[in-house]
């Protein structure tokens, strides 16, 4: 089962949304809740699928965390000691993305 969880943080007064998804192979992927094609409309989960709120495309969950198409914009992360680690620097670009949106 695919699980997608959404988070939001504030950076310079701008709400920056990002998602974490546990893929079918139990790896984690992180991405901004926005894409380069459809903007900051974001995504939602419907059953096992992640759907774009703008164009209604079902996103192939195995591709989340990679660039291209109507995919969420990747955020670099890694697992360390059983914990998901996202460097603050990786999230800093999000304020620019969401300030435009």
N, C-alpha and C. Protein backbone atom coordinates (compact mmCIF):
# COMPACT_ATOMS: atom_id res chain seq x y z
N UNK A 1 0.84 -1.18 0.00
CA UNK A 1 0.00 0.00 0.00
C UNK A 1 0.88 1.25 0.00
N UNK A 2 0.51 2.22 -0.78
CA UNK A 2 1.21 3.50 -0.88
C UNK A 2 0.61 4.46 0.14
N UNK A 3 1.46 5.13 0.91
CA UNK A 3 1.00 6.11 1.88
C UNK A 3 1.67 7.44 1.58
N UNK A 4 0.88 8.50 1.44
CA UNK A 4 1.39 9.83 1.15
C UNK A 4 0.93 10.77 2.26
N UNK A 5 1.89 11.46 2.89
CA UNK A 5 1.57 12.38 3.98
C UNK A 5 2.05 13.78 3.59
N UNK A 6 1.21 14.78 3.82
CA UNK A 6 1.54 16.17 3.47
C UNK A 6 1.95 16.95 4.72
N UNK A 7 2.91 17.85 4.54
CA UNK A 7 3.42 18.71 5.61
C UNK A 7 3.48 20.14 5.09
N UNK A 8 3.50 21.10 6.01
CA UNK A 8 3.70 22.50 5.63
C UNK A 8 4.58 23.17 6.67
N UNK A 9 5.48 24.02 6.20
CA UNK A 9 6.29 24.84 7.09
C UNK A 9 6.26 26.26 6.57
N UNK A 10 6.64 27.20 7.41
CA UNK A 10 6.69 28.61 7.02
C UNK A 10 8.14 29.01 6.77
N UNK A 11 8.40 29.66 5.65
CA UNK A 11 9.73 30.17 5.32
C UNK A 11 9.55 31.58 4.78
N UNK A 12 10.05 32.55 5.50
CA UNK A 12 9.94 33.97 5.11
C UNK A 12 8.48 34.37 4.88
N UNK A 13 7.59 33.83 5.71
CA UNK A 13 6.18 34.18 5.61
C UNK A 13 5.42 33.45 4.52
N UNK A 14 6.05 32.50 3.87
CA UNK A 14 5.42 31.74 2.79
C UNK A 14 5.20 30.31 3.26
N UNK A 15 4.00 29.80 3.07
CA UNK A 15 3.72 28.41 3.40
C UNK A 15 4.32 27.50 2.35
N UNK A 16 5.21 26.62 2.79
CA UNK A 16 5.89 25.68 1.89
C UNK A 16 5.35 24.28 2.18
N UNK A 17 4.67 23.69 1.21
CA UNK A 17 4.10 22.35 1.39
C UNK A 17 5.03 21.31 0.76
N UNK A 18 5.17 20.19 1.45
CA UNK A 18 5.90 19.08 0.86
C UNK A 18 5.24 17.78 1.29
N UNK A 19 5.51 16.74 0.52
CA UNK A 19 4.93 15.43 0.79
C UNK A 19 6.03 14.41 1.00
N UNK A 20 5.68 13.40 1.77
CA UNK A 20 6.53 12.24 1.96
C UNK A 20 5.69 11.04 1.59
N UNK A 21 6.22 10.20 0.75
CA UNK A 21 5.48 9.04 0.31
C UNK A 21 6.29 7.78 0.59
N UNK A 22 5.61 6.78 1.14
CA UNK A 22 6.23 5.47 1.27
C UNK A 22 5.80 4.68 0.06
N UNK A 23 6.75 4.32 -0.75
CA UNK A 23 6.45 3.61 -1.99
C UNK A 23 6.19 2.13 -1.71
N UNK A 24 5.73 1.44 -2.71
CA UNK A 24 5.41 0.02 -2.58
C UNK A 24 6.61 -0.80 -2.11
N UNK A 25 7.83 -0.35 -2.45
CA UNK A 25 9.04 -1.09 -2.02
C UNK A 25 9.52 -0.65 -0.64
N UNK A 26 8.71 0.17 0.06
CA UNK A 26 8.96 0.66 1.42
C UNK A 26 10.08 1.70 1.50
N UNK A 27 10.52 2.24 0.36
CA UNK A 27 11.45 3.36 0.39
C UNK A 27 10.63 4.65 0.53
N UNK A 28 11.29 5.71 1.01
CA UNK A 28 10.62 6.99 1.17
C UNK A 28 11.09 7.97 0.12
N UNK A 29 10.17 8.77 -0.39
CA UNK A 29 10.50 9.84 -1.33
C UNK A 29 9.89 11.12 -0.80
N UNK A 30 10.61 12.24 -0.98
CA UNK A 30 10.12 13.54 -0.55
C UNK A 30 10.06 14.47 -1.75
N UNK A 31 9.05 15.35 -1.75
CA UNK A 31 8.89 16.28 -2.86
C UNK A 31 8.04 17.45 -2.41
N UNK A 32 8.21 18.60 -3.07
CA UNK A 32 7.31 19.72 -2.83
C UNK A 32 5.94 19.34 -3.35
N UNK A 33 4.90 19.88 -2.74
CA UNK A 33 3.53 19.62 -3.16
C UNK A 33 3.18 20.57 -4.30
N UNK A 34 3.99 20.49 -5.35
CA UNK A 34 3.88 21.36 -6.53
C UNK A 34 4.67 20.71 -7.67
N UNK A 35 4.36 21.12 -8.89
CA UNK A 35 5.16 20.63 -10.01
C UNK A 35 5.48 21.78 -10.97
N UNK A 36 6.45 21.56 -11.82
CA UNK A 36 6.87 22.61 -12.75
C UNK A 36 5.85 22.85 -13.84
N UNK A 37 4.99 21.90 -14.13
CA UNK A 37 3.99 22.05 -15.18
C UNK A 37 2.71 22.70 -14.63
N UNK A 38 2.16 22.13 -13.56
CA UNK A 38 0.85 22.57 -13.04
C UNK A 38 0.94 23.57 -11.90
N UNK A 39 2.13 23.89 -11.44
CA UNK A 39 2.28 24.88 -10.38
C UNK A 39 2.04 24.33 -8.98
N UNK A 40 1.49 25.19 -8.13
CA UNK A 40 1.38 24.87 -6.70
C UNK A 40 0.01 24.34 -6.30
N UNK A 41 -0.76 23.87 -7.25
CA UNK A 41 -2.08 23.31 -6.93
C UNK A 41 -1.95 22.11 -5.99
N UNK A 42 -0.90 21.31 -6.18
CA UNK A 42 -0.63 20.19 -5.29
C UNK A 42 -1.25 18.88 -5.74
N UNK A 43 -1.22 17.94 -4.82
CA UNK A 43 -1.64 16.56 -5.08
C UNK A 43 -2.49 16.07 -3.93
N UNK A 44 -3.25 15.01 -4.18
CA UNK A 44 -3.99 14.34 -3.11
C UNK A 44 -3.93 12.85 -3.37
N UNK A 45 -4.18 12.09 -2.32
CA UNK A 45 -4.16 10.63 -2.46
C UNK A 45 -5.58 10.12 -2.52
N UNK A 46 -5.83 9.25 -3.48
CA UNK A 46 -7.12 8.58 -3.62
C UNK A 46 -6.83 7.10 -3.74
N UNK A 47 -7.08 6.37 -2.68
CA UNK A 47 -6.71 4.96 -2.66
C UNK A 47 -5.20 4.84 -2.79
N UNK A 48 -4.72 4.00 -3.69
CA UNK A 48 -3.28 3.84 -3.85
C UNK A 48 -2.64 4.87 -4.79
N UNK A 49 -3.46 5.76 -5.36
CA UNK A 49 -2.95 6.71 -6.35
C UNK A 49 -2.74 8.10 -5.76
N UNK A 50 -1.75 8.81 -6.30
CA UNK A 50 -1.52 10.21 -5.99
C UNK A 50 -1.95 10.99 -7.23
N UNK A 51 -2.88 11.95 -7.05
CA UNK A 51 -3.53 12.63 -8.16
C UNK A 51 -3.18 14.13 -8.13
N UNK A 52 -2.89 14.70 -9.30
CA UNK A 52 -2.64 16.13 -9.43
C UNK A 52 -3.96 16.88 -9.30
N UNK A 53 -4.00 17.90 -8.44
CA UNK A 53 -5.22 18.70 -8.25
C UNK A 53 -5.52 19.58 -9.46
N UNK A 54 -4.54 19.86 -10.29
CA UNK A 54 -4.75 20.74 -11.44
C UNK A 54 -5.21 19.97 -12.67
N UNK A 55 -4.46 18.96 -13.08
CA UNK A 55 -4.78 18.28 -14.34
C UNK A 55 -5.40 16.89 -14.16
N UNK A 56 -5.56 16.46 -12.90
CA UNK A 56 -6.18 15.18 -12.55
C UNK A 56 -5.38 13.96 -13.01
N UNK A 57 -4.11 14.15 -13.34
CA UNK A 57 -3.27 13.01 -13.72
C UNK A 57 -2.95 12.17 -12.50
N UNK A 58 -3.05 10.87 -12.68
CA UNK A 58 -2.59 9.94 -11.65
C UNK A 58 -1.08 9.81 -11.81
N UNK A 59 -0.35 10.04 -10.74
CA UNK A 59 1.11 10.01 -10.78
C UNK A 59 1.59 8.60 -10.48
N UNK A 60 2.49 8.10 -11.29
CA UNK A 60 3.09 6.80 -11.02
C UNK A 60 3.93 6.96 -9.76
N UNK A 61 3.53 6.34 -8.67
CA UNK A 61 4.18 6.59 -7.38
C UNK A 61 5.66 6.22 -7.38
N UNK A 62 6.05 5.29 -8.20
CA UNK A 62 7.47 4.93 -8.29
C UNK A 62 8.32 6.05 -8.83
N UNK A 63 7.71 7.05 -9.48
CA UNK A 63 8.47 8.16 -10.05
C UNK A 63 8.51 9.38 -9.13
N UNK A 64 7.76 9.36 -8.03
CA UNK A 64 7.79 10.49 -7.10
C UNK A 64 9.17 10.57 -6.47
N UNK A 65 9.73 11.77 -6.48
CA UNK A 65 11.10 11.96 -6.02
C UNK A 65 12.07 12.11 -7.18
N UNK A 66 11.54 11.99 -8.42
CA UNK A 66 12.36 12.21 -9.61
C UNK A 66 11.73 13.33 -10.43
N UNK A 67 12.53 13.95 -11.28
CA UNK A 67 12.06 15.05 -12.12
C UNK A 67 11.30 14.54 -13.33
N UNK A 68 10.47 15.42 -13.89
CA UNK A 68 9.85 15.14 -15.17
C UNK A 68 8.34 14.99 -15.10
N UNK A 69 7.69 15.40 -16.17
CA UNK A 69 6.25 15.27 -16.28
C UNK A 69 5.52 16.03 -15.18
N UNK A 70 4.34 15.57 -14.87
CA UNK A 70 3.54 16.17 -13.80
C UNK A 70 3.89 15.48 -12.49
N UNK A 71 5.16 15.47 -12.17
CA UNK A 71 5.64 14.89 -10.91
C UNK A 71 5.88 15.99 -9.90
N UNK A 72 5.66 15.69 -8.62
CA UNK A 72 6.03 16.65 -7.58
C UNK A 72 7.53 16.96 -7.69
N UNK A 73 7.91 18.21 -7.43
CA UNK A 73 9.31 18.63 -7.52
C UNK A 73 10.09 17.96 -6.39
N UNK A 74 11.13 17.18 -6.73
CA UNK A 74 11.86 16.42 -5.71
C UNK A 74 12.54 17.29 -4.65
N UNK A 75 12.59 16.77 -3.43
CA UNK A 75 13.33 17.36 -2.32
C UNK A 75 14.30 16.28 -1.85
N UNK A 76 15.57 16.61 -1.81
CA UNK A 76 16.59 15.63 -1.41
C UNK A 76 16.41 15.25 0.05
N UNK A 77 16.43 13.94 0.31
CA UNK A 77 16.32 13.42 1.67
C UNK A 77 17.02 12.08 1.75
N UNK A 78 17.19 11.59 2.97
CA UNK A 78 17.75 10.26 3.17
C UNK A 78 17.28 9.72 4.52
N UNK A 79 17.42 8.42 4.69
CA UNK A 79 17.05 7.79 5.95
C UNK A 79 18.33 7.52 6.71
N UNK A 80 18.31 7.92 7.99
CA UNK A 80 19.48 7.75 8.84
C UNK A 80 19.01 7.28 10.21
N UNK A 81 19.48 6.12 10.63
CA UNK A 81 19.07 5.59 11.93
C UNK A 81 17.57 5.39 12.04
N UNK A 82 16.93 5.01 10.96
CA UNK A 82 15.49 4.79 10.96
C UNK A 82 14.65 6.05 10.90
N UNK A 83 15.29 7.22 10.74
CA UNK A 83 14.58 8.49 10.68
C UNK A 83 14.77 9.13 9.31
N UNK A 84 13.72 9.76 8.80
CA UNK A 84 13.82 10.50 7.55
C UNK A 84 14.50 11.84 7.84
N UNK A 85 15.53 12.16 7.08
CA UNK A 85 16.28 13.40 7.27
C UNK A 85 16.14 14.25 6.00
N UNK A 86 15.66 15.48 6.19
CA UNK A 86 15.58 16.45 5.10
C UNK A 86 16.39 17.66 5.56
N UNK A 87 17.46 17.97 4.85
CA UNK A 87 18.26 19.13 5.21
C UNK A 87 17.47 20.40 4.97
N UNK A 88 17.62 21.37 5.88
CA UNK A 88 16.92 22.65 5.73
C UNK A 88 17.23 23.29 4.38
N UNK A 89 18.47 23.14 3.91
CA UNK A 89 18.86 23.72 2.62
C UNK A 89 18.03 23.15 1.48
N UNK A 90 17.63 21.89 1.60
CA UNK A 90 16.83 21.26 0.54
C UNK A 90 15.43 21.87 0.46
N UNK A 91 14.93 22.39 1.58
CA UNK A 91 13.59 22.98 1.60
C UNK A 91 13.59 24.48 1.30
N UNK A 92 14.75 25.12 1.33
CA UNK A 92 14.82 26.57 1.15
C UNK A 92 14.27 27.05 -0.19
N UNK A 93 14.45 26.28 -1.23
CA UNK A 93 13.94 26.68 -2.54
C UNK A 93 12.42 26.68 -2.61
N UNK A 94 11.78 26.04 -1.66
CA UNK A 94 10.32 25.96 -1.68
C UNK A 94 9.64 27.30 -1.52
N UNK A 95 10.23 28.21 -0.77
CA UNK A 95 9.59 29.52 -0.59
C UNK A 95 9.47 30.24 -1.93
N UNK A 96 10.45 30.10 -2.79
CA UNK A 96 10.39 30.72 -4.12
C UNK A 96 9.28 30.10 -4.96
N UNK A 97 9.13 28.79 -4.87
CA UNK A 97 8.11 28.09 -5.66
C UNK A 97 6.71 28.52 -5.20
N UNK A 98 6.47 28.52 -3.89
CA UNK A 98 5.13 28.79 -3.37
C UNK A 98 4.81 30.28 -3.32
N UNK A 99 5.80 31.14 -3.30
CA UNK A 99 5.53 32.59 -3.34
C UNK A 99 4.96 32.98 -4.69
N UNK A 100 5.35 32.27 -5.74
CA UNK A 100 4.83 32.54 -7.09
C UNK A 100 3.41 32.05 -7.25
N UNK A 101 3.11 30.92 -6.58
CA UNK A 101 1.87 30.19 -6.77
C UNK A 101 0.65 30.92 -6.47
